[in-house]
mmCIF file of all heavy atoms, coordinates in Angstrom:
data_MODEL
# 
_entry.id   MODEL 
# 
loop_
_atom_site.group_PDB 
_atom_site.id 
_atom_site.type_symbol 
_atom_site.label_atom_id 
_atom_site.label_alt_id 
_atom_site.label_comp_id 
_atom_site.label_asym_id 
_atom_site.label_entity_id 
_atom_site.label_seq_id 
_atom_site.pdbx_PDB_ins_code 
_atom_site.Cartn_x 
_atom_site.Cartn_y 
_atom_site.Cartn_z 
_atom_site.occupancy 
_atom_site.B_iso_or_equiv 
_atom_site.pdbx_formal_charge 
_atom_site.auth_seq_id 
_atom_site.auth_comp_id 
_atom_site.auth_asym_id 
_atom_site.auth_atom_id 
_atom_site.pdbx_PDB_model_num 
ATOM 1   N N   . ALA A 1 1  ? 0.828   -1.214  0.000   1.00 0.00 ? 1  ALA A N   1 
ATOM 2   C CA  . ALA A 1 1  ? 0.000   0.000   0.000   1.00 0.00 ? 1  ALA A CA  1 
ATOM 3   C C   . ALA A 1 1  ? 0.861   1.262   0.000   1.00 0.00 ? 1  ALA A C   1 
ATOM 4   O O   . ALA A 1 1  ? 0.545   2.238   -0.699  1.00 0.00 ? 1  ALA A O   1 
ATOM 5   C CB  . ALA A 1 1  ? -0.922  -0.011  1.214   1.00 0.00 ? 1  ALA A CB  1 
ATOM 6   N N   . SER A 1 2  ? 1.937   1.263   0.763   1.00 0.00 ? 2  SER A N   1 
ATOM 7   C CA  . SER A 1 2  ? 2.823   2.424   0.810   1.00 0.00 ? 2  SER A CA  1 
ATOM 8   C C   . SER A 1 2  ? 3.414   2.731   -0.560  1.00 0.00 ? 2  SER A C   1 
ATOM 9   O O   . SER A 1 2  ? 3.509   3.890   -0.965  1.00 0.00 ? 2  SER A O   1 
ATOM 10  C CB  . SER A 1 2  ? 3.961   2.174   1.816   1.00 0.00 ? 2  SER A CB  1 
ATOM 11  O OG  . SER A 1 2  ? 3.459   1.945   3.108   1.00 0.00 ? 2  SER A OG  1 
ATOM 12  N N   . SER A 1 3  ? 3.775   1.677   -1.278  1.00 0.00 ? 3  SER A N   1 
ATOM 13  C CA  . SER A 1 3  ? 4.334   1.845   -2.625  1.00 0.00 ? 3  SER A CA  1 
ATOM 14  C C   . SER A 1 3  ? 3.313   2.452   -3.570  1.00 0.00 ? 3  SER A C   1 
ATOM 15  O O   . SER A 1 3  ? 3.632   3.328   -4.373  1.00 0.00 ? 3  SER A O   1 
ATOM 16  C CB  . SER A 1 3  ? 4.797   0.486   -3.160  1.00 0.00 ? 3  SER A CB  1 
ATOM 17  O OG  . SER A 1 3  ? 5.765   -0.097  -2.316  1.00 0.00 ? 3  SER A OG  1 
ATOM 18  N N   . VAL A 1 4  ? 2.074   1.987   -3.469  1.00 0.00 ? 4  VAL A N   1 
ATOM 19  C CA  . VAL A 1 4  ? 1.006   2.481   -4.340  1.00 0.00 ? 4  VAL A CA  1 
ATOM 20  C C   . VAL A 1 4  ? 0.651   3.929   -4.019  1.00 0.00 ? 4  VAL A C   1 
ATOM 21  O O   . VAL A 1 4  ? 0.486   4.758   -4.920  1.00 0.00 ? 4  VAL A O   1 
ATOM 22  C CB  . VAL A 1 4  ? -0.243  1.575   -4.226  1.00 0.00 ? 4  VAL A CB  1 
ATOM 23  C CG1 . VAL A 1 4  ? -1.446  2.216   -4.902  1.00 0.00 ? 4  VAL A CG1 1 
ATOM 24  C CG2 . VAL A 1 4  ? 0.049   0.212   -4.830  1.00 0.00 ? 4  VAL A CG2 1 
ATOM 25  N N   . VAL A 1 5  ? 0.538   4.244   -2.743  1.00 0.00 ? 5  VAL A N   1 
ATOM 26  C CA  . VAL A 1 5  ? 0.167   5.606   -2.336  1.00 0.00 ? 5  VAL A CA  1 
ATOM 27  C C   . VAL A 1 5  ? 1.174   6.632   -2.845  1.00 0.00 ? 5  VAL A C   1 
ATOM 28  O O   . VAL A 1 5  ? 0.792   7.732   -3.269  1.00 0.00 ? 5  VAL A O   1 
ATOM 29  C CB  . VAL A 1 5  ? 0.033   5.686   -0.796  1.00 0.00 ? 5  VAL A CB  1 
ATOM 30  C CG1 . VAL A 1 5  ? -0.054  7.139   -0.330  1.00 0.00 ? 5  VAL A CG1 1 
ATOM 31  C CG2 . VAL A 1 5  ? -1.195  4.917   -0.332  1.00 0.00 ? 5  VAL A CG2 1 
ATOM 32  N N   . ARG A 1 6  ? 2.447   6.287   -2.860  1.00 0.00 ? 6  ARG A N   1 
ATOM 33  C CA  . ARG A 1 6  ? 3.464   7.217   -3.345  1.00 0.00 ? 6  ARG A CA  1 
ATOM 34  C C   . ARG A 1 6  ? 3.301   7.528   -4.825  1.00 0.00 ? 6  ARG A C   1 
ATOM 35  O O   . ARG A 1 6  ? 3.780   8.552   -5.313  1.00 0.00 ? 6  ARG A O   1 
ATOM 36  C CB  . ARG A 1 6  ? 4.869   6.651   -3.074  1.00 0.00 ? 6  ARG A CB  1 
ATOM 37  C CG  . ARG A 1 6  ? 5.289   6.776   -1.613  1.00 0.00 ? 6  ARG A CG  1 
ATOM 38  C CD  . ARG A 1 6  ? 6.769   6.452   -1.438  1.00 0.00 ? 6  ARG A CD  1 
ATOM 39  N NE  . ARG A 1 6  ? 7.037   5.013   -1.533  1.00 0.00 ? 6  ARG A NE  1 
ATOM 40  C CZ  . ARG A 1 6  ? 7.014   4.181   -0.515  1.00 0.00 ? 6  ARG A CZ  1 
ATOM 41  N NH1 . ARG A 1 6  ? 6.715   4.628   0.702   1.00 0.00 ? 6  ARG A NH1 1 
ATOM 42  N NH2 . ARG A 1 6  ? 7.276   2.897   -0.668  1.00 0.00 ? 6  ARG A NH2 1 
ATOM 43  N N   . ALA A 1 7  ? 2.600   6.658   -5.554  1.00 0.00 ? 7  ALA A N   1 
ATOM 44  C CA  . ALA A 1 7  ? 2.426   6.849   -6.996  1.00 0.00 ? 7  ALA A CA  1 
ATOM 45  C C   . ALA A 1 7  ? 1.102   7.504   -7.360  1.00 0.00 ? 7  ALA A C   1 
ATOM 46  O O   . ALA A 1 7  ? 0.970   8.079   -8.437  1.00 0.00 ? 7  ALA A O   1 
ATOM 47  C CB  . ALA A 1 7  ? 2.522   5.500   -7.703  1.00 0.00 ? 7  ALA A CB  1 
ATOM 48  N N   . ALA A 1 8  ? 0.109   7.407   -6.480  1.00 0.00 ? 8  ALA A N   1 
ATOM 49  C CA  . ALA A 1 8  ? -1.254  7.833   -6.819  1.00 0.00 ? 8  ALA A CA  1 
ATOM 50  C C   . ALA A 1 8  ? -1.490  9.287   -6.444  1.00 0.00 ? 8  ALA A C   1 
ATOM 51  O O   . ALA A 1 8  ? -1.560  9.629   -5.266  1.00 0.00 ? 8  ALA A O   1 
ATOM 52  C CB  . ALA A 1 8  ? -2.266  6.941   -6.103  1.00 0.00 ? 8  ALA A CB  1 
ATOM 53  N N   . SER A 1 9  ? -1.643  10.129  -7.455  1.00 0.00 ? 9  SER A N   1 
ATOM 54  C CA  . SER A 1 9  ? -1.862  11.549  -7.206  1.00 0.00 ? 9  SER A CA  1 
ATOM 55  C C   . SER A 1 9  ? -3.334  11.939  -7.270  1.00 0.00 ? 9  SER A C   1 
ATOM 56  O O   . SER A 1 9  ? -3.711  13.005  -6.792  1.00 0.00 ? 9  SER A O   1 
ATOM 57  C CB  . SER A 1 9  ? -1.065  12.393  -8.207  1.00 0.00 ? 9  SER A CB  1 
ATOM 58  O OG  . SER A 1 9  ? -1.513  12.146  -9.535  1.00 0.00 ? 9  SER A OG  1 
ATOM 59  N N   . ARG A 1 10 ? -4.179  11.074  -7.885  1.00 0.00 ? 10 ARG A N   1 
ATOM 60  C CA  . ARG A 1 10 ? -5.594  11.429  -7.988  1.00 0.00 ? 10 ARG A CA  1 
ATOM 61  C C   . ARG A 1 10 ? -6.547  10.279  -7.658  1.00 0.00 ? 10 ARG A C   1 
ATOM 62  O O   . ARG A 1 10 ? -7.668  10.512  -7.254  1.00 0.00 ? 10 ARG A O   1 
ATOM 63  C CB  . ARG A 1 10 ? -5.921  11.962  -9.390  1.00 0.00 ? 10 ARG A CB  1 
ATOM 64  C CG  . ARG A 1 10 ? -5.763  10.940  -10.504 1.00 0.00 ? 10 ARG A CG  1 
ATOM 65  C CD  . ARG A 1 10 ? -6.174  11.512  -11.837 1.00 0.00 ? 10 ARG A CD  1 
ATOM 66  N NE  . ARG A 1 10 ? -7.544  11.991  -11.824 1.00 0.00 ? 10 ARG A NE  1 
ATOM 67  C CZ  . ARG A 1 10 ? -8.604  11.210  -11.941 1.00 0.00 ? 10 ARG A CZ  1 
ATOM 68  N NH1 . ARG A 1 10 ? -8.460  9.902   -12.022 1.00 0.00 ? 10 ARG A NH1 1 
ATOM 69  N NH2 . ARG A 1 10 ? -9.814  11.713  -11.950 1.00 0.00 ? 10 ARG A NH2 1 
ATOM 70  N N   . SER A 1 11 ? -6.124  9.058   -7.784  1.00 0.00 ? 11 SER A N   1 
ATOM 71  C CA  . SER A 1 11 ? -7.003  7.921   -7.511  1.00 0.00 ? 11 SER A CA  1 
ATOM 72  C C   . SER A 1 11 ? -7.233  7.751   -6.011  1.00 0.00 ? 11 SER A C   1 
ATOM 73  O O   . SER A 1 11 ? -6.363  8.060   -5.198  1.00 0.00 ? 11 SER A O   1 
ATOM 74  C CB  . SER A 1 11 ? -6.392  6.622   -8.056  1.00 0.00 ? 11 SER A CB  1 
ATOM 75  O OG  . SER A 1 11 ? -6.161  6.707   -9.438  1.00 0.00 ? 11 SER A OG  1 
ATOM 76  N N   . LEU A 1 12 ? -8.404  7.237   -5.655  1.00 0.00 ? 12 LEU A N   1 
ATOM 77  C CA  . LEU A 1 12 ? -8.693  6.826   -4.283  1.00 0.00 ? 12 LEU A CA  1 
ATOM 78  C C   . LEU A 1 12 ? -8.009  5.478   -4.055  1.00 0.00 ? 12 LEU A C   1 
ATOM 79  O O   . LEU A 1 12 ? -8.206  4.546   -4.833  1.00 0.00 ? 12 LEU A O   1 
ATOM 80  C CB  . LEU A 1 12 ? -10.199 6.697   -4.077  1.00 0.00 ? 12 LEU A CB  1 
ATOM 81  C CG  . LEU A 1 12 ? -10.677 6.259   -2.694  1.00 0.00 ? 12 LEU A CG  1 
ATOM 82  C CD1 . LEU A 1 12 ? -10.582 7.436   -1.718  1.00 0.00 ? 12 LEU A CD1 1 
ATOM 83  C CD2 . LEU A 1 12 ? -12.114 5.742   -2.743  1.00 0.00 ? 12 LEU A CD2 1 
ATOM 84  N N   . VAL A 1 13 ? -7.217  5.363   -3.008  1.00 0.00 ? 13 VAL A N   1 
ATOM 85  C CA  . VAL A 1 13 ? -6.487  4.122   -2.730  1.00 0.00 ? 13 VAL A CA  1 
ATOM 86  C C   . VAL A 1 13 ? -7.158  3.383   -1.573  1.00 0.00 ? 13 VAL A C   1 
ATOM 87  O O   . VAL A 1 13 ? -7.229  3.888   -0.453  1.00 0.00 ? 13 VAL A O   1 
ATOM 88  C CB  . VAL A 1 13 ? -5.008  4.384   -2.396  1.00 0.00 ? 13 VAL A CB  1 
ATOM 89  C CG1 . VAL A 1 13 ? -4.290  3.071   -2.080  1.00 0.00 ? 13 VAL A CG1 1 
ATOM 90  C CG2 . VAL A 1 13 ? -4.319  5.102   -3.549  1.00 0.00 ? 13 VAL A CG2 1 
ATOM 91  N N   . VAL A 1 14 ? -7.652  2.179   -1.870  1.00 0.00 ? 14 VAL A N   1 
ATOM 92  C CA  . VAL A 1 14 ? -8.329  1.325   -0.890  1.00 0.00 ? 14 VAL A CA  1 
ATOM 93  C C   . VAL A 1 14 ? -7.458  0.093   -0.647  1.00 0.00 ? 14 VAL A C   1 
ATOM 94  O O   . VAL A 1 14 ? -6.932  -0.491  -1.596  1.00 0.00 ? 14 VAL A O   1 
ATOM 95  C CB  . VAL A 1 14 ? -9.721  0.901   -1.397  1.00 0.00 ? 14 VAL A CB  1 
ATOM 96  C CG1 . VAL A 1 14 ? -10.415 0.016   -0.365  1.00 0.00 ? 14 VAL A CG1 1 
ATOM 97  C CG2 . VAL A 1 14 ? -10.574 2.115   -1.732  1.00 0.00 ? 14 VAL A CG2 1 
ATOM 98  N N   . VAL A 1 15 ? -7.332  -0.301  0.611   1.00 0.00 ? 15 VAL A N   1 
ATOM 99  C CA  . VAL A 1 15 ? -6.448  -1.419  0.969   1.00 0.00 ? 15 VAL A CA  1 
ATOM 100 C C   . VAL A 1 15 ? -7.242  -2.522  1.661   1.00 0.00 ? 15 VAL A C   1 
ATOM 101 O O   . VAL A 1 15 ? -8.012  -2.266  2.584   1.00 0.00 ? 15 VAL A O   1 
ATOM 102 C CB  . VAL A 1 15 ? -5.314  -0.944  1.902   1.00 0.00 ? 15 VAL A CB  1 
ATOM 103 C CG1 . VAL A 1 15 ? -4.351  -2.095  2.212   1.00 0.00 ? 15 VAL A CG1 1 
ATOM 104 C CG2 . VAL A 1 15 ? -4.560  0.223   1.279   1.00 0.00 ? 15 VAL A CG2 1 
ATOM 105 N N   . ASP A 1 16 ? -7.038  -3.750  1.220   1.00 0.00 ? 16 ASP A N   1 
ATOM 106 C CA  . ASP A 1 16 ? -7.667  -4.901  1.873   1.00 0.00 ? 16 ASP A CA  1 
ATOM 107 C C   . ASP A 1 16 ? -7.073  -5.137  3.255   1.00 0.00 ? 16 ASP A C   1 
ATOM 108 O O   . ASP A 1 16 ? -5.844  -5.152  3.417   1.00 0.00 ? 16 ASP A O   1 
ATOM 109 C CB  . ASP A 1 16 ? -7.443  -6.176  1.041   1.00 0.00 ? 16 ASP A CB  1 
ATOM 110 C CG  . ASP A 1 16 ? -8.501  -6.379  -0.024  1.00 0.00 ? 16 ASP A CG  1 
ATOM 111 O OD1 . ASP A 1 16 ? -9.616  -5.858  0.128   1.00 0.00 ? 16 ASP A OD1 1 
ATOM 112 O OD2 . ASP A 1 16 ? -8.206  -7.077  -1.020  1.00 0.00 ? 16 ASP A OD2 1 
ATOM 113 N N   . LEU A 1 17 ? -7.939  -5.337  4.241   1.00 0.00 ? 17 LEU A N   1 
ATOM 114 C CA  . LEU A 1 17 ? -7.473  -5.888  5.511   1.00 0.00 ? 17 LEU A CA  1 
ATOM 115 C C   . LEU A 1 17 ? -7.280  -7.384  5.293   1.00 0.00 ? 17 LEU A C   1 
ATOM 116 O O   . LEU A 1 17 ? -8.212  -8.073  4.871   1.00 0.00 ? 17 LEU A O   1 
ATOM 117 C CB  . LEU A 1 17 ? -8.488  -5.650  6.621   1.00 0.00 ? 17 LEU A CB  1 
ATOM 118 C CG  . LEU A 1 17 ? -8.586  -4.243  7.220   1.00 0.00 ? 17 LEU A CG  1 
ATOM 119 C CD1 . LEU A 1 17 ? -9.546  -4.240  8.405   1.00 0.00 ? 17 LEU A CD1 1 
ATOM 120 C CD2 . LEU A 1 17 ? -7.235  -3.724  7.655   1.00 0.00 ? 17 LEU A CD2 1 
ATOM 121 N N   . PRO A 1 18 ? -6.093  -7.919  5.553   1.00 0.00 ? 18 PRO A N   1 
ATOM 122 C CA  . PRO A 1 18 ? -5.834  -9.335  5.256   1.00 0.00 ? 18 PRO A CA  1 
ATOM 123 C C   . PRO A 1 18 ? -6.502  -10.269 6.246   1.00 0.00 ? 18 PRO A C   1 
ATOM 124 O O   . PRO A 1 18 ? -6.898  -9.879  7.346   1.00 0.00 ? 18 PRO A O   1 
ATOM 125 C CB  . PRO A 1 18 ? -4.309  -9.434  5.340   1.00 0.00 ? 18 PRO A CB  1 
ATOM 126 C CG  . PRO A 1 18 ? -3.922  -8.371  6.309   1.00 0.00 ? 18 PRO A CG  1 
ATOM 127 C CD  . PRO A 1 18 ? -4.889  -7.241  6.069   1.00 0.00 ? 18 PRO A CD  1 
ATOM 128 N N   . PHE A 1 19 ? -6.608  -11.512 5.838   1.00 0.00 ? 19 PHE A N   1 
ATOM 129 C CA  . PHE A 1 19 ? -7.201  -12.556 6.663   1.00 0.00 ? 19 PHE A CA  1 
ATOM 130 C C   . PHE A 1 19 ? -6.532  -12.609 8.037   1.00 0.00 ? 19 PHE A C   1 
ATOM 131 O O   . PHE A 1 19 ? -5.303  -12.578 8.149   1.00 0.00 ? 19 PHE A O   1 
ATOM 132 C CB  . PHE A 1 19 ? -7.054  -13.913 5.971   1.00 0.00 ? 19 PHE A CB  1 
ATOM 133 C CG  . PHE A 1 19 ? -7.572  -15.076 6.772   1.00 0.00 ? 19 PHE A CG  1 
ATOM 134 C CD1 . PHE A 1 19 ? -8.933  -15.298 6.903   1.00 0.00 ? 19 PHE A CD1 1 
ATOM 135 C CD2 . PHE A 1 19 ? -6.692  -15.943 7.405   1.00 0.00 ? 19 PHE A CD2 1 
ATOM 136 C CE1 . PHE A 1 19 ? -9.413  -16.364 7.649   1.00 0.00 ? 19 PHE A CE1 1 
ATOM 137 C CE2 . PHE A 1 19 ? -7.158  -17.013 8.153   1.00 0.00 ? 19 PHE A CE2 1 
ATOM 138 C CZ  . PHE A 1 19 ? -8.533  -17.224 8.268   1.00 0.00 ? 19 PHE A CZ  1 
ATOM 139 N N   . GLY A 1 20 ? -7.363  -12.677 9.085   1.00 0.00 ? 20 GLY A N   1 
ATOM 140 C CA  . GLY A 1 20 ? -6.847  -12.775 10.441  1.00 0.00 ? 20 GLY A CA  1 
ATOM 141 C C   . GLY A 1 20 ? -6.600  -11.459 11.133  1.00 0.00 ? 20 GLY A C   1 
ATOM 142 O O   . GLY A 1 20 ? -6.244  -11.436 12.310  1.00 0.00 ? 20 GLY A O   1 
ATOM 143 N N   . SER A 1 21 ? -6.810  -10.337 10.406  1.00 0.00 ? 21 SER A N   1 
ATOM 144 C CA  . SER A 1 21 ? -6.519  -9.034  11.007  1.00 0.00 ? 21 SER A CA  1 
ATOM 145 C C   . SER A 1 21 ? -7.767  -8.305  11.468  1.00 0.00 ? 21 SER A C   1 
ATOM 146 O O   . SER A 1 21 ? -7.679  -7.192  11.978  1.00 0.00 ? 21 SER A O   1 
ATOM 147 C CB  . SER A 1 21 ? -5.754  -8.153  10.003  1.00 0.00 ? 21 SER A CB  1 
ATOM 148 O OG  . SER A 1 21 ? -6.582  -7.782  8.917   1.00 0.00 ? 21 SER A OG  1 
ATOM 149 N N   . TYR A 1 22 ? -8.948  -8.938  11.301  1.00 0.00 ? 22 TYR A N   1 
ATOM 150 C CA  . TYR A 1 22 ? -10.178 -8.248  11.699  1.00 0.00 ? 22 TYR A CA  1 
ATOM 151 C C   . TYR A 1 22 ? -11.322 -9.184  12.083  1.00 0.00 ? 22 TYR A C   1 
ATOM 152 O O   . TYR A 1 22 ? -12.257 -8.787  12.782  1.00 0.00 ? 22 TYR A O   1 
ATOM 153 C CB  . TYR A 1 22 ? -10.662 -7.314  10.586  1.00 0.00 ? 22 TYR A CB  1 
ATOM 154 C CG  . TYR A 1 22 ? -11.068 -8.009  9.306   1.00 0.00 ? 22 TYR A CG  1 
ATOM 155 C CD1 . TYR A 1 22 ? -12.391 -8.364  9.056   1.00 0.00 ? 22 TYR A CD1 1 
ATOM 156 C CD2 . TYR A 1 22 ? -10.132 -8.315  8.318   1.00 0.00 ? 22 TYR A CD2 1 
ATOM 157 C CE1 . TYR A 1 22 ? -12.772 -8.994  7.882   1.00 0.00 ? 22 TYR A CE1 1 
ATOM 158 C CE2 . TYR A 1 22 ? -10.493 -8.937  7.153   1.00 0.00 ? 22 TYR A CE2 1 
ATOM 159 C CZ  . TYR A 1 22 ? -11.815 -9.277  6.929   1.00 0.00 ? 22 TYR A CZ  1 
ATOM 160 O OH  . TYR A 1 22 ? -12.183 -9.907  5.760   1.00 0.00 ? 22 TYR A OH  1 
ATOM 161 N N   . GLN A 1 23 ? -11.289 -10.440 11.660  1.00 0.00 ? 23 GLN A N   1 
ATOM 162 C CA  . GLN A 1 23 ? -12.410 -11.345 11.916  1.00 0.00 ? 23 GLN A CA  1 
ATOM 163 C C   . GLN A 1 23 ? -12.536 -11.670 13.403  1.00 0.00 ? 23 GLN A C   1 
ATOM 164 O O   . GLN A 1 23 ? -11.574 -12.089 14.034  1.00 0.00 ? 23 GLN A O   1 
ATOM 165 C CB  . GLN A 1 23 ? -12.250 -12.655 11.125  1.00 0.00 ? 23 GLN A CB  1 
ATOM 166 C CG  . GLN A 1 23 ? -12.373 -12.476 9.626   1.00 0.00 ? 23 GLN A CG  1 
ATOM 167 C CD  . GLN A 1 23 ? -11.035 -12.301 8.937   1.00 0.00 ? 23 GLN A CD  1 
ATOM 168 O OE1 . GLN A 1 23 ? -10.063 -11.891 9.550   1.00 0.00 ? 23 GLN A OE1 1 
ATOM 169 N NE2 . GLN A 1 23 ? -10.990 -12.626 7.655   1.00 0.00 ? 23 GLN A NE2 1 
ATOM 170 N N   . GLY A 1 24 ? -13.732 -11.471 13.945  1.00 0.00 ? 24 GLY A N   1 
ATOM 171 C CA  . GLY A 1 24 ? -14.026 -11.923 15.293  1.00 0.00 ? 24 GLY A CA  1 
ATOM 172 C C   . GLY A 1 24 ? -13.541 -11.033 16.414  1.00 0.00 ? 24 GLY A C   1 
ATOM 173 O O   . GLY A 1 24 ? -13.805 -11.310 17.584  1.00 0.00 ? 24 GLY A O   1 
ATOM 174 N N   . ASN A 1 25 ? -12.848 -9.942  16.106  1.00 0.00 ? 25 ASN A N   1 
ATOM 175 C CA  . ASN A 1 25 ? -12.321 -9.077  17.153  1.00 0.00 ? 25 ASN A CA  1 
ATOM 176 C C   . ASN A 1 25 ? -12.308 -7.640  16.644  1.00 0.00 ? 25 ASN A C   1 
ATOM 177 O O   . ASN A 1 25 ? -11.426 -7.258  15.875  1.00 0.00 ? 25 ASN A O   1 
ATOM 178 C CB  . ASN A 1 25 ? -10.914 -9.520  17.544  1.00 0.00 ? 25 ASN A CB  1 
ATOM 179 C CG  . ASN A 1 25 ? -10.357 -8.767  18.752  1.00 0.00 ? 25 ASN A CG  1 
ATOM 180 O OD1 . ASN A 1 25 ? -10.651 -7.597  18.955  1.00 0.00 ? 25 ASN A OD1 1 
ATOM 181 N ND2 . ASN A 1 25 ? -9.536  -9.456  19.542  1.00 0.00 ? 25 ASN A ND2 1 
ATOM 182 N N   . SER A 1 26 ? -13.275 -6.847  17.060  1.00 0.00 ? 26 SER A N   1 
ATOM 183 C CA  . SER A 1 26 ? -13.410 -5.493  16.532  1.00 0.00 ? 26 SER A CA  1 
ATOM 184 C C   . SER A 1 26 ? -12.258 -4.591  16.962  1.00 0.00 ? 26 SER A C   1 
ATOM 185 O O   . SER A 1 26 ? -11.885 -3.668  16.235  1.00 0.00 ? 26 SER A O   1 
ATOM 186 C CB  . SER A 1 26 ? -14.751 -4.890  16.962  1.00 0.00 ? 26 SER A CB  1 
ATOM 187 O OG  . SER A 1 26 ? -14.820 -4.762  18.372  1.00 0.00 ? 26 SER A OG  1 
ATOM 188 N N   . LYS A 1 27 ? -11.686 -4.854  18.139  1.00 0.00 ? 27 LYS A N   1 
ATOM 189 C CA  . LYS A 1 27 ? -10.544 -4.051  18.577  1.00 0.00 ? 27 LYS A CA  1 
ATOM 190 C C   . LYS A 1 27 ? -9.327  -4.310  17.692  1.00 0.00 ? 27 LYS A C   1 
ATOM 191 O O   . LYS A 1 27 ? -8.617  -3.376  17.298  1.00 0.00 ? 27 LYS A O   1 
ATOM 192 C CB  . LYS A 1 27 ? -10.205 -4.370  20.038  1.00 0.00 ? 27 LYS A CB  1 
ATOM 193 C CG  . LYS A 1 27 ? -9.102  -3.493  20.608  1.00 0.00 ? 27 LYS A CG  1 
ATOM 194 C CD  . LYS A 1 27 ? -8.847  -3.789  22.083  1.00 0.00 ? 27 LYS A CD  1 
ATOM 195 C CE  . LYS A 1 27 ? -7.734  -2.892  22.624  1.00 0.00 ? 27 LYS A CE  1 
ATOM 196 N NZ  . LYS A 1 27 ? -7.473  -3.174  24.071  1.00 0.00 ? 27 LYS A NZ  1 
# 
């Protein structure tokens, strides 16, 4: 994501939360 953000001057950059980083635990 950091690599992409440095290149994107006008596009909206959306990043996937990977498996195991959000399921079952909101904190």
